PDB file of all heavy atoms in Angstrom:
ATOM      1  N   ALA A   1      -2.643  -2.657  -1.264  1.00  0.00           N
ATOM      2  CA  ALA A   1      -4.044  -2.917  -0.828  1.00  0.00           C
ATOM      3  C   ALA A   1      -5.044  -2.300  -1.793  1.00  0.00           C
ATOM      4  O   ALA A   1      -6.086  -2.888  -2.192  1.00  0.00           O
ATOM      5  CB  ALA A   1      -4.273  -2.333   0.612  1.00  0.00           C
ATOM      6  N   VAL A   2      -4.856  -1.080  -2.275  1.00  0.00           N
ATOM      7  CA  VAL A   2      -5.710  -0.407  -3.231  1.00  0.00           C
ATOM      8  C   VAL A   2      -5.687  -1.136  -4.553  1.00  0.00           C
ATOM      9  O   VAL A   2      -6.729  -1.357  -5.118  1.00  0.00           O
ATOM     10  CB  VAL A   2      -5.258   1.102  -3.433  1.00  0.00           C
ATOM     11  CG1 VAL A   2      -5.980   1.684  -4.612  1.00  0.00           C
ATOM     12  CG2 VAL A   2      -5.629   1.866  -2.151  1.00  0.00           C
ATOM     13  N   ALA A   3      -4.570  -1.606  -4.966  1.00  0.00           N
ATOM     14  CA  ALA A   3      -4.458  -2.398  -6.191  1.00  0.00           C
ATOM     15  C   ALA A   3      -5.306  -3.652  -6.102  1.00  0.00           C
ATOM     16  O   ALA A   3      -6.027  -4.059  -7.011  1.00  0.00           O
ATOM     17  CB  ALA A   3      -2.993  -2.749  -6.463  1.00  0.00           C
ATOM     18  N   GLY A   4      -5.241  -4.299  -4.939  1.00  0.00           N
ATOM     19  CA  GLY A   4      -6.024  -5.508  -4.669  1.00  0.00           C
ATOM     20  C   GLY A   4      -7.556  -5.189  -4.695  1.00  0.00           C
ATOM     21  O   GLY A   4      -8.320  -5.969  -5.179  1.00  0.00           O
ATOM     22  N   ARG A   5      -7.863  -4.057  -4.051  1.00  0.00           N
ATOM     23  CA  ARG A   5      -9.349  -3.731  -3.939  1.00  0.00           C
ATOM     24  C   ARG A   5      -9.932  -3.312  -5.266  1.00  0.00           C
ATOM     25  O   ARG A   5     -11.149  -3.445  -5.482  1.00  0.00           O
ATOM     26  CB  ARG A   5      -9.556  -2.601  -2.927  1.00  0.00           C
ATOM     27  CG  ARG A   5      -9.732  -2.958  -1.530  1.00  0.00           C
ATOM     28  CD  ARG A   5     -10.266  -1.903  -0.719  1.00  0.00           C
ATOM     29  NE  ARG A   5      -9.420  -0.720  -0.572  1.00  0.00           N
ATOM     30  CZ  ARG A   5      -8.437  -0.650   0.330  1.00  0.00           C
ATOM     31  NH1 ARG A   5      -8.195  -1.583   1.102  1.00  0.00           N
ATOM     32  NH2 ARG A   5      -7.766   0.495   0.330  1.00  0.00           N
ATOM     33  N   HIS A   6      -9.118  -2.864  -6.161  1.00  0.00           N
ATOM     34  CA  HIS A   6      -9.617  -2.324  -7.435  1.00  0.00           C
ATOM     35  C   HIS A   6      -9.053  -3.048  -8.651  1.00  0.00           C
ATOM     36  O   HIS A   6      -8.628  -2.457  -9.664  1.00  0.00           O
ATOM     37  CB  HIS A   6      -9.349  -0.805  -7.504  1.00  0.00           C
ATOM     38  CG  HIS A   6      -9.929  -0.041  -6.352  1.00  0.00           C
ATOM     39  ND1 HIS A   6     -11.226   0.202  -6.271  1.00  0.00           N
ATOM     40  CD2 HIS A   6      -9.369   0.477  -5.251  1.00  0.00           C
ATOM     41  CE1 HIS A   6     -11.503   0.835  -5.171  1.00  0.00           C
ATOM     42  NE2 HIS A   6     -10.376   1.011  -4.498  1.00  0.00           N
ATOM     43  N   ARG A   7      -9.082  -4.359  -8.574  1.00  0.00           N
ATOM     44  CA  ARG A   7      -8.522  -5.231  -9.630  1.00  0.00           C
ATOM     45  C   ARG A   7      -9.291  -5.018 -10.880  1.00  0.00           C
ATOM     46  O   ARG A   7      -8.815  -5.200 -11.968  1.00  0.00           O
ATOM     47  CB  ARG A   7      -8.607  -6.714  -9.256  1.00  0.00           C
ATOM     48  CG  ARG A   7      -7.531  -7.174  -8.363  1.00  0.00           C
ATOM     49  CD  ARG A   7      -7.538  -8.693  -8.190  1.00  0.00           C
ATOM     50  NE  ARG A   7      -6.443  -9.104  -7.387  1.00  0.00           N
ATOM     51  CZ  ARG A   7      -6.512  -9.225  -6.059  1.00  0.00           C
ATOM     52  NH1 ARG A   7      -7.589  -9.060  -5.429  1.00  0.00           N
ATOM     53  NH2 ARG A   7      -5.429  -9.643  -5.439  1.00  0.00           N
ATOM     54  N   ALA A   8     -10.600  -4.697 -10.828  1.00  0.00           N
ATOM     55  CA  ALA A   8     -11.407  -4.479 -11.951  1.00  0.00           C
ATOM     56  C   ALA A   8     -11.099  -3.256 -12.762  1.00  0.00           C
ATOM     57  O   ALA A   8     -11.480  -3.093 -13.893  1.00  0.00           O
ATOM     58  CB  ALA A   8     -12.968  -4.452 -11.557  1.00  0.00           C
ATOM     59  N   GLU A   9     -10.321  -2.359 -12.195  1.00  0.00           N
ATOM     60  CA  GLU A   9      -9.882  -1.113 -12.849  1.00  0.00           C
ATOM     61  C   GLU A   9      -8.379  -1.321 -13.201  1.00  0.00           C
ATOM     62  O   GLU A   9      -7.481  -1.099 -12.386  1.00  0.00           O
ATOM     63  CB  GLU A   9      -9.999   0.094 -11.866  1.00  0.00           C
ATOM     64  CG  GLU A   9     -11.439   0.355 -11.447  1.00  0.00           C
ATOM     65  CD  GLU A   9     -12.241   1.017 -12.558  1.00  0.00           C
ATOM     66  OE1 GLU A   9     -11.618   1.563 -13.484  1.00  0.00           O
ATOM     67  OE2 GLU A   9     -13.459   0.925 -12.485  1.00  0.00           O
ATOM     68  N   PRO A  10      -8.099  -1.778 -14.429  1.00  0.00           N
ATOM     69  CA  PRO A  10      -6.718  -2.164 -14.798  1.00  0.00           C
ATOM     70  C   PRO A  10      -5.714  -1.030 -14.605  1.00  0.00           C
ATOM     71  O   PRO A  10      -4.613  -1.322 -14.096  1.00  0.00           O
ATOM     72  CB  PRO A  10      -6.861  -2.514 -16.264  1.00  0.00           C
ATOM     73  CG  PRO A  10      -8.230  -2.841 -16.500  1.00  0.00           C
ATOM     74  CD  PRO A  10      -9.050  -2.026 -15.504  1.00  0.00           C
ATOM     75  N   GLU A  11      -6.069   0.183 -14.916  1.00  0.00           N
ATOM     76  CA  GLU A  11      -5.094   1.302 -14.732  1.00  0.00           C
ATOM     77  C   GLU A  11      -4.823   1.503 -13.243  1.00  0.00           C
ATOM     78  O   GLU A  11      -3.617   1.703 -12.857  1.00  0.00           O
ATOM     79  CB  GLU A  11      -5.604   2.589 -15.310  1.00  0.00           C
ATOM     80  CG  GLU A  11      -4.561   3.765 -15.119  1.00  0.00           C
ATOM     81  CD  GLU A  11      -5.001   5.081 -15.735  1.00  0.00           C
ATOM     82  OE1 GLU A  11      -6.094   5.137 -16.348  1.00  0.00           O
ATOM     83  OE2 GLU A  11      -4.283   6.004 -15.573  1.00  0.00           O
ATOM     84  N   ILE A  12      -5.747   1.467 -12.406  1.00  0.00           N
ATOM     85  CA  ILE A  12      -5.598   1.578 -10.973  1.00  0.00           C
ATOM     86  C   ILE A  12      -4.732   0.473 -10.449  1.00  0.00           C
ATOM     87  O   ILE A  12      -3.727   0.659  -9.775  1.00  0.00           O
ATOM     88  CB  ILE A  12      -6.897   1.713 -10.228  1.00  0.00           C
ATOM     89  CG1 ILE A  12      -7.744   2.856 -10.703  1.00  0.00           C
ATOM     90  CG2 ILE A  12      -6.631   1.709  -8.726  1.00  0.00           C
ATOM     91  CD1 ILE A  12      -7.124   4.284 -10.447  1.00  0.00           C
ATOM     92  N   HIS A  13      -5.125  -0.714 -10.860  1.00  0.00           N
ATOM     93  CA  HIS A  13      -4.478  -1.951 -10.275  1.00  0.00           C
ATOM     94  C   HIS A  13      -2.958  -1.971 -10.676  1.00  0.00           C
ATOM     95  O   HIS A  13      -2.146  -2.066  -9.788  1.00  0.00           O
ATOM     96  CB  HIS A  13      -5.169  -3.212 -10.789  1.00  0.00           C
ATOM     97  CG  HIS A  13      -4.532  -4.446 -10.482  1.00  0.00           C
ATOM     98  ND1 HIS A  13      -4.603  -5.028  -9.168  1.00  0.00           N
ATOM     99  CD2 HIS A  13      -3.733  -5.300 -11.132  1.00  0.00           C
ATOM    100  CE1 HIS A  13      -3.947  -6.148  -9.133  1.00  0.00           C
ATOM    101  NE2 HIS A  13      -3.365  -6.322 -10.348  1.00  0.00           N
ATOM    102  N   HIS A  14      -2.667  -1.829 -11.920  1.00  0.00           N
ATOM    103  CA  HIS A  14      -1.301  -1.976 -12.425  1.00  0.00           C
ATOM    104  C   HIS A  14      -0.413  -0.791 -11.970  1.00  0.00           C
ATOM    105  O   HIS A  14       0.734  -1.016 -11.577  1.00  0.00           O
ATOM    106  CB  HIS A  14      -1.264  -2.197 -13.898  1.00  0.00           C
ATOM    107  CG  HIS A  14      -1.899  -3.445 -14.324  1.00  0.00           C
ATOM    108  ND1 HIS A  14      -1.320  -4.718 -14.025  1.00  0.00           N
ATOM    109  CD2 HIS A  14      -3.049  -3.782 -15.039  1.00  0.00           C
ATOM    110  CE1 HIS A  14      -2.092  -5.627 -14.435  1.00  0.00           C
ATOM    111  NE2 HIS A  14      -3.159  -5.114 -15.092  1.00  0.00           N
ATOM    112  N   VAL A  15      -0.950   0.390 -12.100  1.00  0.00           N
ATOM    113  CA  VAL A  15      -0.160   1.599 -11.743  1.00  0.00           C
ATOM    114  C   VAL A  15       0.118   1.550 -10.168  1.00  0.00           C
ATOM    115  O   VAL A  15       1.257   1.845  -9.775  1.00  0.00           O
ATOM    116  CB  VAL A  15      -0.820   2.938 -12.185  1.00  0.00           C
ATOM    117  CG1 VAL A  15       0.038   4.120 -11.679  1.00  0.00           C
ATOM    118  CG2 VAL A  15      -0.877   2.924 -13.719  1.00  0.00           C
ATOM    119  N   ALA A  16      -0.828   1.284  -9.407  1.00  0.00           N
ATOM    120  CA  ALA A  16      -0.690   1.201  -7.979  1.00  0.00           C
ATOM    121  C   ALA A  16       0.357   0.213  -7.567  1.00  0.00           C
ATOM    122  O   ALA A  16       1.208   0.460  -6.708  1.00  0.00           O
ATOM    123  CB  ALA A  16      -2.043   0.895  -7.257  1.00  0.00           C
ATOM    124  N   LEU A  17       0.413  -0.989  -8.283  1.00  0.00           N
ATOM    125  CA  LEU A  17       1.451  -1.948  -7.958  1.00  0.00           C
ATOM    126  C   LEU A  17       2.823  -1.375  -8.324  1.00  0.00           C
ATOM    127  O   LEU A  17       3.794  -1.598  -7.557  1.00  0.00           O
ATOM    128  CB  LEU A  17       1.163  -3.249  -8.656  1.00  0.00           C
ATOM    129  CG  LEU A  17      -0.002  -4.060  -8.182  1.00  0.00           C
ATOM    130  CD1 LEU A  17      -0.278  -5.290  -9.061  1.00  0.00           C
ATOM    131  CD2 LEU A  17       0.186  -4.455  -6.729  1.00  0.00           C
ATOM    132  N   ASP A  18       2.939  -0.710  -9.507  1.00  0.00           N
ATOM    133  CA  ASP A  18       4.205  -0.120  -9.900  1.00  0.00           C
ATOM    134  C   ASP A  18       4.638   0.940  -8.843  1.00  0.00           C
ATOM    135  O   ASP A  18       5.832   0.933  -8.416  1.00  0.00           O
ATOM    136  CB  ASP A  18       4.059   0.504 -11.247  1.00  0.00           C
ATOM    137  CG  ASP A  18       4.003  -0.504 -12.404  1.00  0.00           C
ATOM    138  OD1 ASP A  18       4.337  -1.672 -12.178  1.00  0.00           O
ATOM    139  OD2 ASP A  18       3.682  -0.080 -13.569  1.00  0.00           O
ATOM    140  N   LEU A  19       3.715   1.750  -8.433  1.00  0.00           N
ATOM    141  CA  LEU A  19       4.113   2.808  -7.445  1.00  0.00           C
ATOM    142  C   LEU A  19       4.459   2.249  -6.111  1.00  0.00           C
ATOM    143  O   LEU A  19       5.372   2.738  -5.435  1.00  0.00           O
ATOM    144  CB  LEU A  19       2.969   3.783  -7.296  1.00  0.00           C
ATOM    145  CG  LEU A  19       2.540   4.546  -8.541  1.00  0.00           C
ATOM    146  CD1 LEU A  19       1.368   5.533  -8.260  1.00  0.00           C
ATOM    147  CD2 LEU A  19       3.703   5.307  -9.146  1.00  0.00           C
ATOM    148  N   ALA A  20       3.798   1.094  -5.780  1.00  0.00           N
ATOM    149  CA  ALA A  20       4.193   0.413  -4.453  1.00  0.00           C
ATOM    150  C   ALA A  20       5.615  -0.044  -4.533  1.00  0.00           C
ATOM    151  O   ALA A  20       6.370   0.018  -3.597  1.00  0.00           O
ATOM    152  CB  ALA A  20       3.203  -0.709  -4.220  1.00  0.00           C
ATOM    153  N   GLY A  21       6.006  -0.567  -5.730  1.00  0.00           N
ATOM    154  CA  GLY A  21       7.381  -0.971  -5.880  1.00  0.00           C
ATOM    155  C   GLY A  21       8.412   0.158  -5.736  1.00  0.00           C
ATOM    156  O   GLY A  21       9.459  -0.099  -5.136  1.00  0.00           O
ATOM    157  N   TRP A  22       7.998   1.308  -6.199  1.00  0.00           N
ATOM    158  CA  TRP A  22       8.942   2.473  -6.001  1.00  0.00           C
ATOM    159  C   TRP A  22       9.060   2.782  -4.465  1.00  0.00           C
ATOM    160  O   TRP A  22      10.174   2.961  -4.035  1.00  0.00           O
ATOM    161  CB  TRP A  22       8.284   3.771  -6.592  1.00  0.00           C
ATOM    162  CG  TRP A  22       8.221   3.691  -8.132  1.00  0.00           C
ATOM    163  CD1 TRP A  22       8.672   2.762  -8.982  1.00  0.00           C
ATOM    164  CD2 TRP A  22       7.699   4.784  -8.898  1.00  0.00           C
ATOM    165  NE1 TRP A  22       8.404   3.104 -10.245  1.00  0.00           N
ATOM    166  CE2 TRP A  22       7.824   4.307 -10.275  1.00  0.00           C
ATOM    167  CE3 TRP A  22       7.072   5.990  -8.692  1.00  0.00           C
ATOM    168  CZ2 TRP A  22       7.407   5.146 -11.318  1.00  0.00           C
ATOM    169  CZ3 TRP A  22       6.651   6.764  -9.721  1.00  0.00           C
ATOM    170  CH2 TRP A  22       6.830   6.407 -10.985  1.00  0.00           C
ATOM    171  N   SER A  23       8.005   2.701  -3.721  1.00  0.00           N
ATOM    172  CA  SER A  23       8.044   3.020  -2.294  1.00  0.00           C
ATOM    173  C   SER A  23       8.824   1.942  -1.600  1.00  0.00           C
ATOM    174  O   SER A  23       9.600   2.230  -0.593  1.00  0.00           O
ATOM    175  CB  SER A  23       6.657   3.146  -1.685  1.00  0.00           C
ATOM    176  OG  SER A  23       6.104   4.388  -2.073  1.00  0.00           O
ATOM    177  N   ARG A  24       8.699   0.716  -1.998  1.00  0.00           N
ATOM    178  CA  ARG A  24       9.462  -0.412  -1.312  1.00  0.00           C
ATOM    179  C   ARG A  24      10.977  -0.158  -1.619  1.00  0.00           C
ATOM    180  O   ARG A  24      11.793  -0.344  -0.749  1.00  0.00           O
ATOM    181  CB  ARG A  24       9.033  -1.770  -1.877  1.00  0.00           C
ATOM    182  CG  ARG A  24       7.816  -2.311  -1.254  1.00  0.00           C
ATOM    183  CD  ARG A  24       7.538  -3.748  -1.523  1.00  0.00           C
ATOM    184  NE  ARG A  24       7.248  -3.921  -2.935  1.00  0.00           N
ATOM    185  CZ  ARG A  24       6.071  -3.792  -3.513  1.00  0.00           C
ATOM    186  NH1 ARG A  24       5.039  -3.385  -2.760  1.00  0.00           N
ATOM    187  NH2 ARG A  24       5.891  -3.936  -4.789  1.00  0.00           N
ATOM    188  N   GLU A  25      11.309   0.250  -2.887  1.00  0.00           N
ATOM    189  CA  GLU A  25      12.719   0.529  -3.219  1.00  0.00           C
ATOM    190  C   GLU A  25      13.244   1.704  -2.343  1.00  0.00           C
ATOM    191  O   GLU A  25      14.297   1.703  -1.871  1.00  0.00           O
ATOM    192  CB  GLU A  25      12.871   0.837  -4.704  1.00  0.00           C
ATOM    193  CG  GLU A  25      14.251   1.195  -5.069  1.00  0.00           C
ATOM    194  CD  GLU A  25      14.338   1.705  -6.552  1.00  0.00           C
ATOM    195  OE1 GLU A  25      13.547   1.404  -7.386  1.00  0.00           O
ATOM    196  OE2 GLU A  25      15.377   2.494  -6.766  1.00  0.00           O
ATOM    197  N   HIS A  26      12.421   2.702  -2.156  1.00  0.00           N
ATOM    198  CA  HIS A  26      12.762   3.843  -1.388  1.00  0.00           C
ATOM    199  C   HIS A  26      13.085   3.392   0.082  1.00  0.00           C
ATOM    200  O   HIS A  26      14.090   3.846   0.677  1.00  0.00           O
ATOM    201  CB  HIS A  26      11.719   4.972  -1.327  1.00  0.00           C
ATOM    202  CG  HIS A  26      11.508   5.631  -2.646  1.00  0.00           C
ATOM    203  ND1 HIS A  26      10.476   6.479  -2.884  1.00  0.00           N
ATOM    204  CD2 HIS A  26      12.181   5.547  -3.810  1.00  0.00           C
ATOM    205  CE1 HIS A  26      10.503   6.876  -4.079  1.00  0.00           C
ATOM    206  NE2 HIS A  26      11.480   6.376  -4.627  1.00  0.00           N
ATOM    207  N   ALA A  27      12.174   2.582   0.599  1.00  0.00           N
ATOM    208  CA  ALA A  27      12.359   2.060   1.999  1.00  0.00           C
ATOM    209  C   ALA A  27      13.663   1.304   2.121  1.00  0.00           C
ATOM    210  O   ALA A  27      14.372   1.479   3.093  1.00  0.00           O
ATOM    211  CB  ALA A  27      11.154   1.229   2.387  1.00  0.00           C
ATOM    212  N   GLN A  28      13.992   0.488   1.099  1.00  0.00           N
ATOM    213  CA  GLN A  28      15.269  -0.274   1.177  1.00  0.00           C
ATOM    214  C   GLN A  28      16.433   0.673   1.095  1.00  0.00           C
ATOM    215  O   GLN A  28      17.424   0.476   1.850  1.00  0.00           O
ATOM    216  CB  GLN A  28      15.270  -1.321   0.018  1.00  0.00           C
ATOM    217  CG  GLN A  28      16.514  -2.156   0.014  1.00  0.00           C
ATOM    218  CD  GLN A  28      16.634  -2.931   1.300  1.00  0.00           C
ATOM    219  OE1 GLN A  28      15.746  -3.661   1.719  1.00  0.00           O
ATOM    220  NE2 GLN A  28      17.773  -2.819   1.984  1.00  0.00           N
ATOM    221  N   ARG A  29      16.365   1.667   0.255  1.00  0.00           N
ATOM    222  CA  ARG A  29      17.546   2.571   0.093  1.00  0.00           C
ATOM    223  C   ARG A  29      17.668   3.439   1.385  1.00  0.00           C
ATOM    224  O   ARG A  29      18.830   3.649   1.838  1.00  0.00           O
ATOM    225  CB  ARG A  29      17.297   3.469  -1.096  1.00  0.00           C
ATOM    226  CG  ARG A  29      17.433   2.684  -2.372  1.00  0.00           C
ATOM    227  CD  ARG A  29      17.316   3.606  -3.602  1.00  0.00           C
ATOM    228  NE  ARG A  29      18.472   4.497  -3.629  1.00  0.00           N
ATOM    229  CZ  ARG A  29      18.586   5.548  -4.474  1.00  0.00           C
ATOM    230  NH1 ARG A  29      17.582   5.765  -5.393  1.00  0.00           N
ATOM    231  NH2 ARG A  29      19.604   6.358  -4.462  1.00  0.00           N
ATOM    232  N   LEU A  30      16.536   3.720   2.055  1.00  0.00           N
ATOM    233  CA  LEU A  30      16.562   4.454   3.288  1.00  0.00           C
ATOM    234  C   LEU A  30      17.225   3.549   4.347  1.00  0.00           C
ATOM    235  O   LEU A  30      18.043   3.997   5.188  1.00  0.00           O
ATOM    236  CB  LEU A  30      15.195   4.941   3.721  1.00  0.00           C
ATOM    237  CG  LEU A  30      14.666   6.101   2.953  1.00  0.00           C
ATOM    238  CD1 LEU A  30      13.162   6.173   3.110  1.00  0.00           C
ATOM    239  CD2 LEU A  30      15.315   7.400   3.495  1.00  0.00           C
ATOM    240  N   SER A  31      16.832   2.281   4.407  1.00  0.00           N
ATOM    241  CA  SER A  31      17.369   1.360   5.376  1.00  0.00           C
ATOM    242  C   SER A  31      18.886   1.170   5.200  1.00  0.00           C
ATOM    243  O   SER A  31      19.660   1.201   6.133  1.00  0.00           O
ATOM    244  CB  SER A  31      16.705   0.062   5.208  1.00  0.00           C
ATOM    245  OG  SER A  31      17.142  -0.864   6.219  1.00  0.00           O
ATOM    246  N   ASP A  32      19.285   1.112   3.978  1.00  0.00           N
ATOM    247  CA  ASP A  32      20.732   0.959   3.665  1.00  0.00           C
ATOM    248  C   ASP A  32      21.525   2.219   4.127  1.00  0.00           C
ATOM    249  O   ASP A  32      22.609   2.134   4.749  1.00  0.00           O
ATOM    250  CB  ASP A  32      20.970   0.712   2.171  1.00  0.00           C
ATOM    251  CG  ASP A  32      20.460  -0.628   1.643  1.00  0.00           C
ATOM    252  OD1 ASP A  32      20.146  -1.470   2.512  1.00  0.00           O
ATOM    253  OD2 ASP A  32      20.394  -0.728   0.424  1.00  0.00           O
ATOM    254  N   THR A  33      20.993   3.332   3.823  1.00  0.00           N
ATOM    255  CA  THR A  33      21.615   4.606   4.195  1.00  0.00           C
ATOM    256  C   THR A  33      21.603   4.742   5.771  1.00  0.00           C
ATOM    257  O   THR A  33      22.614   5.171   6.322  1.00  0.00           O
ATOM    258  CB  THR A  33      20.831   5.800   3.627  1.00  0.00           C
ATOM    259  OG1 THR A  33      20.932   5.669   2.198  1.00  0.00           O
ATOM    260  CG2 THR A  33      21.458   7.149   4.028  1.00  0.00           C
ATOM    261  N   ALA A  34      20.477   4.408   6.384  1.00  0.00           N
ATOM    262  CA  ALA A  34      20.442   4.468   7.864  1.00  0.00           C
ATOM    263  C   ALA A  34      21.459   3.566   8.543  1.00  0.00           C
ATOM    264  O   ALA A  34      22.058   3.921   9.522  1.00  0.00           O
ATOM    265  CB  ALA A  34      19.012   4.092   8.372  1.00  0.00           C
ATOM    266  N   ASP A  35      21.679   2.386   7.951  1.00  0.00           N
ATOM    267  CA  ASP A  35      22.750   1.464   8.488  1.00  0.00           C
ATOM    268  C   ASP A  35      24.069   2.130   8.507  1.00  0.00           C
ATOM    269  O   ASP A  35      24.848   2.080   9.480  1.00  0.00           O
ATOM    270  CB  ASP A  35      22.840   0.189   7.615  1.00  0.00           C
ATOM    271  CG  ASP A  35      21.689  -0.791   7.866  1.00  0.00           C
ATOM    272  OD1 ASP A  35      20.943  -0.671   8.857  1.00  0.00           O
ATOM    273  OD2 ASP A  35      21.525  -1.707   6.987  1.00  0.00           O
ATOM    274  N   ARG A  36      24.370   2.920   7.451  1.00  0.00           N
ATOM    275  CA  ARG A  36      25.691   3.632   7.413  1.00  0.00           C
ATOM    276  C   ARG A  36      25.713   4.826   8.407  1.00  0.00           C
ATOM    277  O   ARG A  36      26.784   5.254   8.694  1.00  0.00           O
ATOM    278  CB  ARG A  36      25.970   4.145   5.962  1.00  0.00           C
ATOM    279  CG  ARG A  36      26.274   2.931   4.993  1.00  0.00           C
ATOM    280  CD  ARG A  36      26.716   3.426   3.665  1.00  0.00           C
ATOM    281  NE  ARG A  36      25.694   4.042   2.855  1.00  0.00           N
ATOM    282  CZ  ARG A  36      24.757   3.416   2.085  1.00  0.00           C
ATOM    283  NH1 ARG A  36      24.786   2.099   2.126  1.00  0.00           N
ATOM    284  NH2 ARG A  36      23.933   4.049   1.360  1.00  0.00           N
ATOM    285  N   HIS A  37      24.570   5.199   8.843  1.00  0.00           N
ATOM    286  CA  HIS A  37      24.474   6.262   9.904  1.00  0.00           C
ATOM    287  C   HIS A  37      24.323   5.718  11.278  1.00  0.00           C
ATOM    288  O   HIS A  37      24.083   6.427  12.258  1.00  0.00           O
ATOM    289  CB  HIS A  37      23.288   7.190   9.603  1.00  0.00           C
ATOM    290  CG  HIS A  37      23.679   8.208   8.539  1.00  0.00           C
ATOM    291  ND1 HIS A  37      23.570   7.960   7.209  1.00  0.00           N
ATOM    292  CD2 HIS A  37      24.097   9.489   8.598  1.00  0.00           C
ATOM    293  CE1 HIS A  37      23.850   8.966   6.470  1.00  0.00           C
ATOM    294  NE2 HIS A  37      24.249   9.921   7.305  1.00  0.00           N
ATOM    295  N   GLY A  38      24.465   4.374  11.423  1.00  0.00           N
ATOM    296  CA  GLY A  38      24.303   3.672  12.733  1.00  0.00           C
ATOM    297  C   GLY A  38      22.899   3.571  13.218  1.00  0.00           C
ATOM    298  O   GLY A  38      22.688   3.394  14.429  1.00  0.00           O
ATOM    299  N   LEU A  39      21.914   3.630  12.333  1.00  0.00           N
ATOM    300  CA  LEU A  39      20.491   3.583  12.692  1.00  0.00           C
ATOM    301  C   LEU A  39      19.902   2.235  12.163  1.00  0.00           C
ATOM    302  O   LEU A  39      20.076   1.976  10.929  1.00  0.00           O
ATOM    303  CB  LEU A  39      19.737   4.799  12.188  1.00  0.00           C
ATOM    304  CG  LEU A  39      18.252   4.858  12.395  1.00  0.00           C
ATOM    305  CD1 LEU A  39      17.976   5.023  13.844  1.00  0.00           C
ATOM    306  CD2 LEU A  39      17.689   6.111  11.599  1.00  0.00           C
ATOM    307  N   ASP A  40      19.235   1.558  12.933  1.00  0.00           N
ATOM    308  CA  ASP A  40      18.680   0.250  12.539  1.00  0.00           C
ATOM    309  C   ASP A  40      17.136   0.515  12.263  1.00  0.00           C
ATOM    310  O   ASP A  40      16.395   0.828  13.201  1.00  0.00           O
ATOM    311  CB  ASP A  40      18.805  -0.874  13.579  1.00  0.00           C
ATOM    312  CG  ASP A  40      18.240  -2.150  13.247  1.00  0.00           C
ATOM    313  OD1 ASP A  40      17.857  -2.293  12.023  1.00  0.00           O
ATOM    314  OD2 ASP A  40      18.188  -3.047  14.057  1.00  0.00           O
ATOM    315  N   LEU A  41      16.723   0.394  11.031  1.00  0.00           N
ATOM    316  CA  LEU A  41      15.342   0.681  10.642  1.00  0.00           C
ATOM    317  C   LEU A  41      14.504  -0.625  10.470  1.00  0.00           C
ATOM    318  O   LEU A  41      13.344  -0.521  10.083  1.00  0.00           O
ATOM    319  CB  LEU A  41      15.214   1.524   9.420  1.00  0.00           C
ATOM    320  CG  LEU A  41      15.773   2.941   9.472  1.00  0.00           C
ATOM    321  CD1 LEU A  41      15.628   3.635   8.121  1.00  0.00           C
ATOM    322  CD2 LEU A  41      15.055   3.756  10.567  1.00  0.00           C
ATOM    323  N   ARG A  42      15.035  -1.698  10.815  1.00  0.00           N
ATOM    324  CA  ARG A  42      14.293  -2.962  10.689  1.00  0.00           C
ATOM    325  C   ARG A  42      13.072  -2.889  11.597  1.00  0.00           C
ATOM    326  O   ARG A  42      13.189  -2.510  12.786  1.00  0.00           O
ATOM    327  CB  ARG A  42      15.112  -4.157  11.051  1.00  0.00           C
ATOM    328  CG  ARG A  42      16.144  -4.495   9.927  1.00  0.00           C
ATOM    329  CD  ARG A  42      16.914  -5.640  10.352  1.00  0.00           C
ATOM    330  NE  ARG A  42      17.624  -5.314  11.609  1.00  0.00           N
ATOM    331  CZ  ARG A  42      18.804  -5.733  11.940  1.00  0.00           C
ATOM    332  NH1 ARG A  42      19.491  -6.496  11.115  1.00  0.00           N
ATOM    333  NH2 ARG A  42      19.385  -5.311  13.088  1.00  0.00           N
ATOM    334  N   ASP A  43      11.936  -3.280  11.094  1.00  0.00           N
ATOM    335  CA  ASP A  43      10.662  -3.261  11.879  1.00  0.00           C
ATOM    336  C   ASP A  43      10.645  -4.479  12.774  1.00  0.00           C
ATOM    337  O   ASP A  43      11.236  -5.505  12.507  1.00  0.00           O
ATOM    338  CB  ASP A  43       9.462  -3.210  10.943  1.00  0.00           C
ATOM    339  CG  ASP A  43       9.275  -1.893  10.268  1.00  0.00           C
ATOM    340  OD1 ASP A  43       9.804  -0.859  10.779  1.00  0.00           O
ATOM    341  OD2 ASP A  43       8.608  -1.893   9.179  1.00  0.00           O
ATOM    342  N   PHE A  44       9.805  -4.392  13.792  1.00  0.00           N
ATOM    343  CA  PHE A  44       9.612  -5.520  14.571  1.00  0.00           C
ATOM    344  C   PHE A  44       8.794  -6.546  13.769  1.00  0.00           C
ATOM    345  O   PHE A  44       7.988  -6.219  12.972  1.00  0.00           O
ATOM    346  CB  PHE A  44       8.671  -5.220  15.843  1.00  0.00           C
ATOM    347  CG  PHE A  44       9.378  -4.273  16.756  1.00  0.00           C
ATOM    348  CD1 PHE A  44       8.970  -2.887  16.868  1.00  0.00           C
ATOM    349  CD2 PHE A  44      10.437  -4.686  17.510  1.00  0.00           C
ATOM    350  CE1 PHE A  44       9.663  -2.053  17.791  1.00  0.00           C
ATOM    351  CE2 PHE A  44      11.108  -3.824  18.393  1.00  0.00           C
ATOM    352  CZ  PHE A  44      10.718  -2.525  18.520  1.00  0.00           C
ATOM    353  N   ALA A  45       9.104  -7.861  13.980  1.00  0.00           N
ATOM    354  CA  ALA A  45       8.425  -8.902  13.236  1.00  0.00           C
ATOM    355  C   ALA A  45       6.953  -8.816  13.525  1.00  0.00           C
ATOM    356  O   ALA A  45       6.520  -8.607  14.620  1.00  0.00           O
ATOM    357  CB  ALA A  45       8.961 -10.312  13.663  1.00  0.00           C
ATOM    358  N   GLY A  46       6.150  -8.948  12.460  1.00  0.00           N
ATOM    359  CA  GLY A  46       4.687  -8.981  12.625  1.00  0.00           C
ATOM    360  C   GLY A  46       4.053  -7.618  12.468  1.00  0.00           C
ATOM    361  O   GLY A  46       2.860  -7.550  12.331  1.00  0.00           O
TER     362      GLY A  46
END
């Protein structure tokens, strides 16, 4: 959202998108690990 709000600031826009990708990767790795621990981390749709 911050990257979208600050498109006019290239450093903010691009770095924020890169950092968001890191957090998405972390969330996926956490979800995979949680599955192996018998925990379902899938969010409710919507």
